[in-house]
N, C-alpha and C. Protein backbone atom coordinates (compact mmCIF):
# COMPACT_ATOMS: atom_id res chain seq x y z
N UNK A 1 35.76 -16.52 -16.60
CA UNK A 1 34.48 -16.74 -17.22
C UNK A 1 33.68 -17.77 -16.43
N UNK A 2 32.41 -17.52 -16.26
CA UNK A 2 31.53 -18.41 -15.52
C UNK A 2 31.09 -19.56 -16.42
N UNK A 3 30.93 -20.73 -15.80
CA UNK A 3 30.60 -21.93 -16.57
C UNK A 3 29.11 -22.22 -16.67
N UNK A 4 28.33 -21.83 -15.66
CA UNK A 4 26.92 -22.17 -15.61
C UNK A 4 26.08 -20.95 -15.34
N UNK A 5 24.85 -21.00 -15.80
CA UNK A 5 23.88 -19.96 -15.49
C UNK A 5 22.70 -20.62 -14.79
N UNK A 6 22.40 -20.15 -13.61
CA UNK A 6 21.27 -20.67 -12.85
C UNK A 6 20.14 -19.67 -12.97
N UNK A 7 18.96 -20.17 -13.30
CA UNK A 7 17.79 -19.30 -13.40
C UNK A 7 16.89 -19.54 -12.20
N UNK A 8 16.43 -18.45 -11.63
CA UNK A 8 15.58 -18.50 -10.44
C UNK A 8 14.25 -17.86 -10.80
N UNK A 9 13.16 -18.55 -10.47
CA UNK A 9 11.82 -17.99 -10.71
C UNK A 9 11.10 -17.92 -9.37
N UNK A 10 10.51 -16.78 -9.09
CA UNK A 10 9.74 -16.60 -7.87
C UNK A 10 8.30 -16.97 -8.19
N UNK A 11 7.71 -17.81 -7.36
CA UNK A 11 6.33 -18.25 -7.57
C UNK A 11 5.51 -18.01 -6.30
N UNK A 12 4.21 -18.03 -6.46
CA UNK A 12 3.26 -17.87 -5.38
C UNK A 12 3.11 -19.21 -4.66
N UNK A 13 3.94 -19.45 -3.65
CA UNK A 13 3.95 -20.74 -2.96
C UNK A 13 2.63 -21.06 -2.26
N UNK A 14 1.98 -20.09 -1.58
CA UNK A 14 0.71 -20.45 -0.94
C UNK A 14 -0.33 -20.99 -1.94
N UNK A 15 -0.42 -20.35 -3.11
CA UNK A 15 -1.38 -20.84 -4.11
C UNK A 15 -0.92 -22.17 -4.69
N UNK A 16 0.36 -22.31 -4.98
CA UNK A 16 0.86 -23.60 -5.50
C UNK A 16 0.59 -24.73 -4.52
N UNK A 17 0.86 -24.49 -3.25
CA UNK A 17 0.62 -25.52 -2.23
C UNK A 17 -0.86 -25.88 -2.14
N UNK A 18 -1.73 -24.87 -2.18
CA UNK A 18 -3.16 -25.12 -2.11
C UNK A 18 -3.62 -25.93 -3.33
N UNK A 19 -3.08 -25.58 -4.50
CA UNK A 19 -3.42 -26.33 -5.71
C UNK A 19 -3.02 -27.80 -5.55
N UNK A 20 -1.79 -28.03 -5.13
CA UNK A 20 -1.28 -29.40 -5.01
C UNK A 20 -2.03 -30.20 -3.96
N UNK A 21 -2.35 -29.55 -2.84
CA UNK A 21 -3.11 -30.23 -1.79
C UNK A 21 -4.49 -30.67 -2.28
N UNK A 22 -5.00 -29.96 -3.27
CA UNK A 22 -6.33 -30.29 -3.80
C UNK A 22 -6.27 -31.03 -5.13
N UNK A 23 -5.07 -31.48 -5.53
CA UNK A 23 -4.93 -32.33 -6.70
C UNK A 23 -4.79 -31.60 -8.03
N UNK A 24 -4.47 -30.32 -8.02
CA UNK A 24 -4.28 -29.56 -9.26
C UNK A 24 -2.80 -29.28 -9.44
N UNK A 25 -2.21 -29.84 -10.48
CA UNK A 25 -0.78 -29.68 -10.73
C UNK A 25 -0.47 -28.49 -11.63
N UNK A 26 -1.42 -28.09 -12.47
CA UNK A 26 -1.15 -27.02 -13.43
C UNK A 26 -2.23 -25.94 -13.36
N UNK A 27 -1.89 -24.77 -13.91
CA UNK A 27 -2.87 -23.68 -14.00
C UNK A 27 -4.03 -24.09 -14.89
N UNK A 28 -3.76 -24.88 -15.92
CA UNK A 28 -4.82 -25.32 -16.84
C UNK A 28 -5.85 -26.18 -16.10
N UNK A 29 -5.38 -27.10 -15.25
CA UNK A 29 -6.30 -27.96 -14.49
C UNK A 29 -7.17 -27.12 -13.56
N UNK A 30 -6.56 -26.17 -12.86
CA UNK A 30 -7.32 -25.31 -11.96
C UNK A 30 -8.29 -24.44 -12.74
N UNK A 31 -7.87 -23.95 -13.89
CA UNK A 31 -8.72 -23.12 -14.73
C UNK A 31 -9.99 -23.87 -15.13
N UNK A 32 -9.82 -25.12 -15.57
CA UNK A 32 -11.00 -25.92 -15.97
C UNK A 32 -11.92 -26.17 -14.78
N UNK A 33 -11.36 -26.35 -13.61
CA UNK A 33 -12.16 -26.68 -12.43
C UNK A 33 -12.92 -25.48 -11.86
N UNK A 34 -12.29 -24.30 -11.87
CA UNK A 34 -12.92 -23.16 -11.19
C UNK A 34 -13.48 -22.10 -12.13
N UNK A 35 -13.21 -22.21 -13.44
CA UNK A 35 -13.77 -21.27 -14.39
C UNK A 35 -13.04 -19.95 -14.50
N UNK A 36 -11.84 -19.85 -13.95
CA UNK A 36 -11.02 -18.65 -14.07
C UNK A 36 -10.03 -18.88 -15.21
N UNK A 37 -9.75 -17.86 -16.00
CA UNK A 37 -8.88 -18.04 -17.15
C UNK A 37 -7.48 -18.49 -16.73
N UNK A 38 -6.88 -19.31 -17.56
CA UNK A 38 -5.55 -19.83 -17.28
C UNK A 38 -4.53 -18.69 -17.18
N UNK A 39 -4.68 -17.66 -18.03
CA UNK A 39 -3.76 -16.52 -17.97
C UNK A 39 -3.85 -15.78 -16.64
N UNK A 40 -5.07 -15.63 -16.12
CA UNK A 40 -5.24 -14.95 -14.83
C UNK A 40 -4.61 -15.76 -13.70
N UNK A 41 -4.77 -17.07 -13.76
CA UNK A 41 -4.14 -17.93 -12.74
C UNK A 41 -2.63 -17.84 -12.88
N UNK A 42 -2.13 -17.83 -14.12
CA UNK A 42 -0.69 -17.69 -14.36
C UNK A 42 -0.15 -16.39 -13.78
N UNK A 43 -0.90 -15.30 -13.94
CA UNK A 43 -0.48 -14.01 -13.37
C UNK A 43 -0.41 -14.09 -11.85
N UNK A 44 -1.35 -14.81 -11.25
CA UNK A 44 -1.33 -14.97 -9.79
C UNK A 44 -0.15 -15.84 -9.36
N UNK A 45 0.09 -16.94 -10.08
CA UNK A 45 1.21 -17.83 -9.74
C UNK A 45 2.55 -17.12 -9.88
N UNK A 46 2.66 -16.24 -10.87
CA UNK A 46 3.90 -15.50 -11.11
C UNK A 46 3.96 -14.18 -10.35
N UNK A 47 2.93 -13.92 -9.53
CA UNK A 47 2.85 -12.72 -8.68
C UNK A 47 2.90 -11.43 -9.49
N UNK A 48 2.37 -11.47 -10.71
CA UNK A 48 2.35 -10.27 -11.55
C UNK A 48 1.31 -9.26 -11.06
N UNK A 49 0.24 -9.78 -10.44
CA UNK A 49 -0.81 -8.90 -9.93
C UNK A 49 -0.91 -9.07 -8.42
N UNK A 50 -1.05 -7.96 -7.70
CA UNK A 50 -1.17 -8.06 -6.24
C UNK A 50 -2.54 -8.59 -5.82
N UNK A 51 -2.66 -8.95 -4.56
CA UNK A 51 -3.93 -9.43 -4.03
C UNK A 51 -4.97 -8.32 -4.02
N UNK A 52 -4.54 -7.12 -3.63
CA UNK A 52 -5.47 -6.00 -3.53
C UNK A 52 -5.28 -5.02 -4.68
N UNK A 53 -6.39 -4.44 -5.13
CA UNK A 53 -6.34 -3.41 -6.16
C UNK A 53 -5.91 -2.09 -5.52
N UNK A 54 -5.73 -1.07 -6.32
CA UNK A 54 -5.32 0.22 -5.76
C UNK A 54 -6.40 0.84 -4.87
N UNK A 55 -7.62 0.30 -4.92
CA UNK A 55 -8.70 0.79 -4.06
C UNK A 55 -8.90 -0.12 -2.84
N UNK A 56 -7.86 -0.94 -2.53
CA UNK A 56 -7.87 -1.87 -1.40
C UNK A 56 -9.01 -2.89 -1.45
N UNK A 57 -9.39 -3.26 -2.65
CA UNK A 57 -10.37 -4.32 -2.85
C UNK A 57 -9.61 -5.57 -3.30
N UNK A 58 -10.08 -6.74 -2.89
CA UNK A 58 -9.46 -7.99 -3.34
C UNK A 58 -9.69 -8.11 -4.83
N UNK A 59 -8.63 -8.43 -5.60
CA UNK A 59 -8.83 -8.55 -7.05
C UNK A 59 -9.77 -9.71 -7.33
N UNK A 60 -10.57 -9.56 -8.38
CA UNK A 60 -11.64 -10.51 -8.67
C UNK A 60 -11.18 -11.94 -8.87
N UNK A 61 -10.07 -12.13 -9.55
CA UNK A 61 -9.54 -13.47 -9.79
C UNK A 61 -9.18 -14.14 -8.47
N UNK A 62 -8.51 -13.42 -7.60
CA UNK A 62 -8.11 -13.97 -6.30
C UNK A 62 -9.34 -14.35 -5.49
N UNK A 63 -10.37 -13.51 -5.54
CA UNK A 63 -11.59 -13.80 -4.80
C UNK A 63 -12.26 -15.07 -5.31
N UNK A 64 -12.32 -15.24 -6.64
CA UNK A 64 -12.93 -16.45 -7.21
C UNK A 64 -12.18 -17.71 -6.80
N UNK A 65 -10.85 -17.62 -6.84
CA UNK A 65 -10.05 -18.80 -6.48
C UNK A 65 -10.17 -19.08 -4.98
N UNK A 66 -10.17 -18.04 -4.16
CA UNK A 66 -10.34 -18.22 -2.72
C UNK A 66 -11.70 -18.85 -2.43
N UNK A 67 -12.74 -18.38 -3.11
CA UNK A 67 -14.07 -18.97 -2.94
C UNK A 67 -14.08 -20.43 -3.37
N UNK A 68 -13.40 -20.74 -4.47
CA UNK A 68 -13.33 -22.11 -4.97
C UNK A 68 -12.69 -23.04 -3.94
N UNK A 69 -11.59 -22.57 -3.30
CA UNK A 69 -10.91 -23.38 -2.29
C UNK A 69 -11.53 -23.23 -0.89
N UNK A 70 -12.52 -22.32 -0.78
CA UNK A 70 -13.19 -22.07 0.50
C UNK A 70 -12.20 -21.60 1.58
N UNK A 71 -11.40 -20.61 1.21
CA UNK A 71 -10.45 -20.00 2.14
C UNK A 71 -10.53 -18.47 2.00
N UNK A 72 -9.89 -17.77 2.91
CA UNK A 72 -9.80 -16.32 2.79
C UNK A 72 -8.78 -15.98 1.70
N UNK A 73 -8.99 -14.90 0.95
CA UNK A 73 -8.05 -14.53 -0.11
C UNK A 73 -6.60 -14.36 0.38
N UNK A 74 -6.41 -13.88 1.61
CA UNK A 74 -5.05 -13.70 2.15
C UNK A 74 -4.28 -15.01 2.20
N UNK A 75 -4.98 -16.13 2.23
CA UNK A 75 -4.32 -17.43 2.37
C UNK A 75 -3.72 -17.94 1.06
N UNK A 76 -4.02 -17.27 -0.05
CA UNK A 76 -3.50 -17.74 -1.34
C UNK A 76 -2.44 -16.79 -1.92
N UNK A 77 -1.95 -15.88 -1.10
CA UNK A 77 -0.92 -14.93 -1.53
C UNK A 77 0.14 -14.80 -0.45
N UNK A 78 1.42 -14.66 -0.84
CA UNK A 78 2.43 -14.35 0.17
C UNK A 78 2.19 -12.95 0.71
N UNK A 79 2.49 -12.76 1.98
CA UNK A 79 2.21 -11.50 2.64
C UNK A 79 2.86 -10.30 1.94
N UNK A 80 4.06 -10.48 1.42
CA UNK A 80 4.78 -9.37 0.80
C UNK A 80 4.21 -8.91 -0.53
N UNK A 81 3.26 -9.64 -1.10
CA UNK A 81 2.71 -9.27 -2.40
C UNK A 81 1.23 -8.89 -2.32
N UNK A 82 0.77 -8.51 -1.15
CA UNK A 82 -0.64 -8.16 -1.03
C UNK A 82 -0.98 -6.88 -1.79
N UNK A 83 -0.05 -5.92 -1.83
CA UNK A 83 -0.37 -4.62 -2.41
C UNK A 83 0.43 -4.28 -3.66
N UNK A 84 1.36 -5.12 -4.01
CA UNK A 84 2.21 -4.79 -5.15
C UNK A 84 2.62 -6.06 -5.89
N UNK A 85 2.41 -6.07 -7.22
CA UNK A 85 2.83 -7.21 -8.02
C UNK A 85 4.29 -7.07 -8.41
N UNK A 86 4.85 -8.16 -8.91
CA UNK A 86 6.24 -8.14 -9.37
C UNK A 86 6.27 -7.76 -10.84
N UNK A 87 7.16 -6.86 -11.20
CA UNK A 87 7.31 -6.53 -12.62
C UNK A 87 8.06 -7.65 -13.33
N UNK A 88 8.89 -8.35 -12.56
CA UNK A 88 9.71 -9.42 -13.13
C UNK A 88 9.90 -10.47 -12.04
N UNK A 89 9.57 -11.73 -12.34
CA UNK A 89 9.70 -12.75 -11.30
C UNK A 89 10.80 -13.76 -11.60
N UNK A 90 11.69 -13.42 -12.52
CA UNK A 90 12.79 -14.31 -12.86
C UNK A 90 14.10 -13.55 -12.83
N UNK A 91 15.14 -14.27 -12.45
CA UNK A 91 16.48 -13.71 -12.46
C UNK A 91 17.45 -14.84 -12.77
N UNK A 92 18.62 -14.48 -13.22
CA UNK A 92 19.62 -15.52 -13.46
C UNK A 92 20.96 -15.04 -12.93
N UNK A 93 21.77 -16.00 -12.58
CA UNK A 93 23.10 -15.70 -12.06
C UNK A 93 24.08 -16.70 -12.67
N UNK A 94 25.26 -16.22 -12.98
CA UNK A 94 26.27 -17.12 -13.54
C UNK A 94 27.22 -17.54 -12.43
N UNK A 95 27.57 -18.82 -12.44
CA UNK A 95 28.42 -19.37 -11.38
C UNK A 95 29.54 -20.20 -11.97
N UNK A 96 30.57 -20.38 -11.17
CA UNK A 96 31.70 -21.25 -11.54
C UNK A 96 31.27 -22.71 -11.42
N UNK A 97 32.00 -23.58 -12.06
CA UNK A 97 31.71 -25.01 -12.01
C UNK A 97 31.73 -25.52 -10.57
N UNK A 98 32.70 -25.07 -9.76
CA UNK A 98 32.80 -25.53 -8.38
C UNK A 98 31.57 -25.14 -7.58
N UNK A 99 31.06 -23.92 -7.80
CA UNK A 99 29.87 -23.48 -7.09
C UNK A 99 28.65 -24.32 -7.49
N UNK A 100 28.56 -24.62 -8.78
CA UNK A 100 27.44 -25.41 -9.27
C UNK A 100 27.47 -26.81 -8.67
N UNK A 101 28.64 -27.43 -8.66
CA UNK A 101 28.76 -28.77 -8.10
C UNK A 101 28.51 -28.76 -6.59
N UNK A 102 28.94 -27.70 -5.92
CA UNK A 102 28.69 -27.59 -4.48
C UNK A 102 27.19 -27.53 -4.21
N UNK A 103 26.46 -26.78 -5.02
CA UNK A 103 25.01 -26.70 -4.86
C UNK A 103 24.34 -28.05 -5.09
N UNK A 104 24.70 -28.72 -6.18
CA UNK A 104 24.06 -30.00 -6.48
C UNK A 104 24.48 -31.06 -5.47
N UNK A 105 25.73 -31.07 -5.03
CA UNK A 105 26.18 -32.04 -4.03
C UNK A 105 25.52 -31.79 -2.68
N UNK A 106 25.32 -30.53 -2.34
CA UNK A 106 24.67 -30.20 -1.08
C UNK A 106 23.28 -30.82 -1.03
N UNK A 107 22.52 -30.69 -2.13
CA UNK A 107 21.16 -31.23 -2.16
C UNK A 107 21.17 -32.75 -2.09
N UNK A 108 22.18 -33.38 -2.69
CA UNK A 108 22.22 -34.84 -2.74
C UNK A 108 22.79 -35.46 -1.46
N UNK A 109 23.77 -34.82 -0.85
CA UNK A 109 24.49 -35.48 0.24
C UNK A 109 24.16 -34.96 1.62
N UNK A 110 23.64 -33.78 1.76
CA UNK A 110 23.43 -33.24 3.10
C UNK A 110 22.07 -32.56 3.22
N UNK A 111 21.02 -33.33 3.46
CA UNK A 111 19.68 -32.73 3.57
C UNK A 111 19.59 -31.73 4.72
N UNK A 112 20.41 -31.92 5.78
CA UNK A 112 20.39 -30.96 6.89
C UNK A 112 20.87 -29.59 6.43
N UNK A 113 21.88 -29.57 5.56
CA UNK A 113 22.38 -28.31 5.03
C UNK A 113 21.31 -27.61 4.19
N UNK A 114 20.59 -28.42 3.42
CA UNK A 114 19.52 -27.87 2.60
C UNK A 114 18.41 -27.30 3.48
N UNK A 115 18.06 -28.00 4.55
CA UNK A 115 17.05 -27.52 5.47
C UNK A 115 17.51 -26.23 6.14
N UNK A 116 18.78 -26.17 6.54
CA UNK A 116 19.32 -24.96 7.15
C UNK A 116 19.26 -23.80 6.17
N UNK A 117 19.56 -24.08 4.91
CA UNK A 117 19.50 -23.05 3.87
C UNK A 117 18.07 -22.53 3.74
N UNK A 118 17.08 -23.44 3.73
CA UNK A 118 15.68 -23.03 3.64
C UNK A 118 15.28 -22.19 4.85
N UNK A 119 15.75 -22.58 6.04
CA UNK A 119 15.44 -21.82 7.25
C UNK A 119 16.06 -20.43 7.18
N UNK A 120 17.27 -20.33 6.64
CA UNK A 120 17.94 -19.05 6.52
C UNK A 120 17.16 -18.14 5.56
N UNK A 121 16.66 -18.72 4.47
CA UNK A 121 15.85 -17.94 3.53
C UNK A 121 14.57 -17.46 4.20
N UNK A 122 13.94 -18.33 5.00
CA UNK A 122 12.71 -17.95 5.71
C UNK A 122 12.97 -16.79 6.68
N UNK A 123 14.07 -16.84 7.41
CA UNK A 123 14.42 -15.77 8.34
C UNK A 123 14.66 -14.47 7.57
N UNK A 124 15.37 -14.57 6.45
CA UNK A 124 15.64 -13.38 5.63
C UNK A 124 14.33 -12.79 5.11
N UNK A 125 13.43 -13.63 4.62
CA UNK A 125 12.14 -13.15 4.12
C UNK A 125 11.33 -12.48 5.23
N UNK A 126 11.40 -13.05 6.44
CA UNK A 126 10.70 -12.45 7.57
C UNK A 126 11.26 -11.05 7.86
N UNK A 127 12.57 -10.91 7.77
CA UNK A 127 13.19 -9.60 7.98
C UNK A 127 12.73 -8.62 6.91
N UNK A 128 12.68 -9.07 5.67
CA UNK A 128 12.26 -8.20 4.57
C UNK A 128 10.80 -7.81 4.73
N UNK A 129 9.96 -8.75 5.16
CA UNK A 129 8.54 -8.45 5.35
C UNK A 129 8.31 -7.43 6.45
N UNK A 130 9.30 -7.23 7.33
CA UNK A 130 9.20 -6.22 8.37
C UNK A 130 9.47 -4.81 7.88
N UNK A 131 9.90 -4.68 6.64
CA UNK A 131 10.18 -3.37 6.05
C UNK A 131 8.90 -2.79 5.45
N UNK A 132 8.92 -1.48 5.19
CA UNK A 132 7.78 -0.87 4.51
C UNK A 132 7.76 -1.32 3.05
N UNK A 133 6.62 -1.16 2.41
CA UNK A 133 6.50 -1.53 0.99
C UNK A 133 7.52 -0.78 0.14
N UNK A 134 7.72 0.50 0.45
CA UNK A 134 8.67 1.31 -0.33
C UNK A 134 10.09 0.79 -0.14
N UNK A 135 10.46 0.46 1.10
CA UNK A 135 11.79 -0.07 1.36
C UNK A 135 12.00 -1.40 0.64
N UNK A 136 10.98 -2.26 0.67
CA UNK A 136 11.06 -3.55 -0.02
C UNK A 136 11.25 -3.33 -1.52
N UNK A 137 10.49 -2.39 -2.08
CA UNK A 137 10.57 -2.12 -3.51
C UNK A 137 11.95 -1.61 -3.90
N UNK A 138 12.49 -0.69 -3.10
CA UNK A 138 13.82 -0.14 -3.41
C UNK A 138 14.87 -1.25 -3.34
N UNK A 139 14.82 -2.09 -2.30
CA UNK A 139 15.80 -3.18 -2.19
C UNK A 139 15.66 -4.15 -3.36
N UNK A 140 14.42 -4.47 -3.74
CA UNK A 140 14.20 -5.38 -4.87
C UNK A 140 14.76 -4.76 -6.16
N UNK A 141 14.50 -3.47 -6.36
CA UNK A 141 14.98 -2.81 -7.58
C UNK A 141 16.51 -2.78 -7.60
N UNK A 142 17.12 -2.49 -6.45
CA UNK A 142 18.57 -2.34 -6.40
C UNK A 142 19.30 -3.67 -6.46
N UNK A 143 18.81 -4.69 -5.72
CA UNK A 143 19.59 -5.92 -5.58
C UNK A 143 19.07 -7.10 -6.39
N UNK A 144 17.80 -7.10 -6.77
CA UNK A 144 17.28 -8.19 -7.60
C UNK A 144 17.28 -7.78 -9.06
N UNK A 145 16.71 -6.61 -9.31
CA UNK A 145 16.65 -6.11 -10.69
C UNK A 145 17.94 -5.41 -11.09
N UNK A 146 18.82 -5.17 -10.12
CA UNK A 146 20.12 -4.54 -10.34
C UNK A 146 20.02 -3.19 -11.05
N UNK A 147 19.06 -2.38 -10.62
CA UNK A 147 18.89 -1.05 -11.20
C UNK A 147 19.79 -0.06 -10.48
N UNK A 148 20.18 0.97 -11.19
CA UNK A 148 21.00 2.03 -10.60
C UNK A 148 20.12 2.93 -9.73
N UNK A 149 20.78 3.77 -8.93
CA UNK A 149 20.02 4.74 -8.13
C UNK A 149 19.18 5.63 -9.03
N UNK A 150 19.77 6.02 -10.15
CA UNK A 150 19.07 6.90 -11.09
C UNK A 150 17.84 6.22 -11.69
N UNK A 151 17.96 4.96 -12.09
CA UNK A 151 16.82 4.22 -12.65
C UNK A 151 15.71 4.08 -11.63
N UNK A 152 16.07 3.78 -10.38
CA UNK A 152 15.08 3.66 -9.31
C UNK A 152 14.39 5.01 -9.08
N UNK A 153 15.19 6.07 -9.06
CA UNK A 153 14.65 7.40 -8.83
C UNK A 153 13.63 7.77 -9.90
N UNK A 154 13.94 7.49 -11.15
CA UNK A 154 13.02 7.81 -12.24
C UNK A 154 11.73 7.00 -12.11
N UNK A 155 11.85 5.72 -11.82
CA UNK A 155 10.67 4.86 -11.73
C UNK A 155 9.77 5.23 -10.56
N UNK A 156 10.36 5.67 -9.46
CA UNK A 156 9.58 6.00 -8.27
C UNK A 156 9.31 7.50 -8.12
N UNK A 157 9.73 8.28 -9.11
CA UNK A 157 9.55 9.74 -9.10
C UNK A 157 10.16 10.38 -7.84
N UNK A 158 11.36 9.94 -7.52
CA UNK A 158 12.12 10.51 -6.41
C UNK A 158 13.50 10.89 -6.93
N UNK A 159 14.32 11.52 -6.08
CA UNK A 159 15.67 11.81 -6.53
C UNK A 159 16.62 10.70 -6.05
N UNK A 160 17.81 10.66 -6.63
CA UNK A 160 18.79 9.60 -6.32
C UNK A 160 19.13 9.56 -4.84
N UNK A 161 19.29 10.71 -4.24
CA UNK A 161 19.66 10.78 -2.83
C UNK A 161 18.57 10.15 -1.95
N UNK A 162 17.31 10.40 -2.29
CA UNK A 162 16.21 9.83 -1.50
C UNK A 162 16.19 8.30 -1.64
N UNK A 163 16.47 7.78 -2.83
CA UNK A 163 16.54 6.33 -3.04
C UNK A 163 17.66 5.76 -2.18
N UNK A 164 18.83 6.43 -2.17
CA UNK A 164 19.96 5.97 -1.38
C UNK A 164 19.60 5.95 0.11
N UNK A 165 18.88 6.99 0.57
CA UNK A 165 18.49 7.06 1.97
C UNK A 165 17.53 5.92 2.34
N UNK A 166 16.57 5.65 1.48
CA UNK A 166 15.61 4.56 1.72
C UNK A 166 16.35 3.23 1.78
N UNK A 167 17.25 3.02 0.83
CA UNK A 167 18.04 1.78 0.79
C UNK A 167 18.86 1.63 2.06
N UNK A 168 19.56 2.68 2.46
CA UNK A 168 20.41 2.61 3.65
C UNK A 168 19.61 2.36 4.91
N UNK A 169 18.45 3.01 5.03
CA UNK A 169 17.61 2.80 6.22
C UNK A 169 17.13 1.36 6.27
N UNK A 170 16.70 0.81 5.14
CA UNK A 170 16.24 -0.58 5.10
C UNK A 170 17.36 -1.54 5.50
N UNK A 171 18.56 -1.30 4.99
CA UNK A 171 19.70 -2.17 5.33
C UNK A 171 20.08 -2.01 6.80
N UNK A 172 19.98 -0.79 7.32
CA UNK A 172 20.27 -0.55 8.73
C UNK A 172 19.28 -1.31 9.62
N UNK A 173 18.02 -1.30 9.23
CA UNK A 173 16.99 -2.03 9.98
C UNK A 173 17.30 -3.53 9.97
N UNK A 174 17.68 -4.04 8.81
CA UNK A 174 17.95 -5.47 8.70
C UNK A 174 19.22 -5.87 9.45
N UNK A 175 20.18 -4.94 9.58
CA UNK A 175 21.44 -5.24 10.28
C UNK A 175 21.32 -5.10 11.79
N UNK A 176 20.26 -4.46 12.26
CA UNK A 176 20.12 -4.21 13.69
C UNK A 176 20.18 -5.54 14.45
N UNK A 177 20.92 -5.56 15.57
CA UNK A 177 21.11 -6.82 16.31
C UNK A 177 19.81 -7.54 16.66
N UNK A 178 18.76 -6.78 16.98
CA UNK A 178 17.50 -7.44 17.33
C UNK A 178 16.88 -8.15 16.14
N UNK A 179 17.17 -7.69 14.94
CA UNK A 179 16.63 -8.30 13.73
C UNK A 179 17.55 -9.38 13.18
N UNK A 180 18.84 -9.17 13.28
CA UNK A 180 19.78 -10.04 12.56
C UNK A 180 20.38 -11.16 13.40
N UNK A 181 20.07 -11.21 14.69
CA UNK A 181 20.67 -12.23 15.56
C UNK A 181 20.34 -13.64 15.07
N UNK A 182 19.10 -13.88 14.69
CA UNK A 182 18.71 -15.22 14.22
C UNK A 182 19.48 -15.60 12.96
N UNK A 183 19.71 -14.63 12.09
CA UNK A 183 20.46 -14.89 10.86
C UNK A 183 21.93 -15.16 11.18
N UNK A 184 22.48 -14.46 12.17
CA UNK A 184 23.88 -14.67 12.56
C UNK A 184 24.13 -16.09 13.04
N UNK A 185 23.12 -16.73 13.61
CA UNK A 185 23.28 -18.11 14.10
C UNK A 185 23.64 -19.07 12.96
N UNK A 186 23.13 -18.79 11.75
CA UNK A 186 23.45 -19.64 10.60
C UNK A 186 24.90 -19.45 10.19
N UNK A 187 25.39 -18.22 10.34
CA UNK A 187 26.77 -17.93 9.93
C UNK A 187 27.75 -18.57 10.91
N UNK A 188 27.43 -18.52 12.20
CA UNK A 188 28.30 -19.11 13.21
C UNK A 188 28.33 -20.62 13.09
N UNK A 189 27.20 -21.19 12.58
CA UNK A 189 27.09 -22.61 12.32
C UNK A 189 27.24 -23.45 13.52
């Protein structure tokens, strides 16, 4: 039996960073300053809505916030969420006590390890961003949302075999030596 549950929430880091750089700590503060509803800002922070609409137009809320900060709309969204929002931006995982203590001790005692971990995540995200939107969606559904091949097939109006093929091709691309060499350096340590 696992002792701890860790919850992970994915947030819109470019927008959060821009808010903090300009002195806004919460969606409510930004809402009062720029006149955009707090719920709309929350949807952007939680990546529920993509940057572009289905007609390849910048969504109105993103445009207002970009105008407020005097930047291009692309600068307030992560690249991987330009065309597709997240249906769910939270996940949880259960861990053993030893794993939990290792995580907390790593952050307290070895900042270099934490930096290396962040770099490894950045390399992994770069690899994922090199995939097509469909490949990214299938991997997210299979490994983050933990959906079965059948559930993915129904949601994407494809058959199970096609979902499996998309998943395998995406993993093959990520495993290719030209893509994965930088990630292997972290494993070799």
